[in-house]
Amino acid sequence: MPKLTREQGIELLEASKKQLEKTEGSKETLEVLLLAGQSVGY
C-alpha cells in the first residue's frame, strides 16, 4: 500500500466522503477511506 502525506490523506478522506455519499458506500471507497485514515492517523 502506498504511504500518503497527512495533507494527501486529508484530501483523500474529503473526496472519499463525498464519493461515499454519492455511491452509498462501495467496497473500494471504504478501502480507500481506511487507507487514508491510517495515513493521517485516525
Protein backbone atom coordinates (compact mmCIF):
# COMPACT_ATOMS: atom_id res chain seq x y z
CA MET A 1 0.00 0.00 0.00
CA PRO A 2 1.29 3.47 -0.83
CA LYS A 3 2.03 5.83 2.03
CA LEU A 4 0.44 9.26 1.83
CA THR A 5 1.40 12.54 3.42
CA ARG A 6 -1.01 13.90 6.01
CA GLU A 7 -2.26 16.54 3.53
CA GLN A 8 -2.86 13.95 0.80
CA GLY A 9 -4.64 11.74 3.29
CA ILE A 10 -6.95 14.53 4.38
CA GLU A 11 -7.74 15.44 0.76
CA LEU A 12 -8.40 11.79 0.02
CA LEU A 13 -10.67 11.47 3.04
CA GLU A 14 -12.70 14.51 1.99
CA ALA A 15 -13.00 13.27 -1.60
CA SER A 16 -13.85 9.78 -0.41
CA LYS A 17 -16.56 11.06 1.91
CA LYS A 18 -18.21 12.89 -0.98
CA GLN A 19 -17.87 9.81 -3.18
CA LEU A 20 -19.28 7.67 -0.37
CA GLU A 21 -22.36 9.90 -0.13
CA LYS A 22 -22.91 9.53 -3.88
CA THR A 23 -22.37 5.77 -4.12
CA GLU A 24 -23.72 4.97 -0.64
CA GLY A 25 -20.59 3.06 0.24
CA SER A 26 -18.92 0.83 -2.31
CA LYS A 27 -16.26 -1.57 -1.08
CA GLU A 28 -13.43 0.20 -2.92
CA THR A 29 -14.38 3.54 -1.40
CA LEU A 30 -14.33 2.03 2.08
CA GLU A 31 -10.88 0.56 1.45
CA VAL A 32 -9.61 3.95 0.25
CA LEU A 33 -11.09 5.59 3.35
CA LEU A 34 -9.32 3.07 5.57
CA LEU A 35 -6.02 3.69 3.79
CA ALA A 36 -6.46 7.45 4.05
CA GLY A 37 -7.45 7.17 7.69
CA GLN A 38 -4.35 5.15 8.53
CA SER A 39 -2.17 7.66 6.70
CA VAL A 40 -3.44 10.60 8.76
CA GLY A 41 -3.55 8.59 11.95
CA TYR A 42 -7.28 8.22 12.55
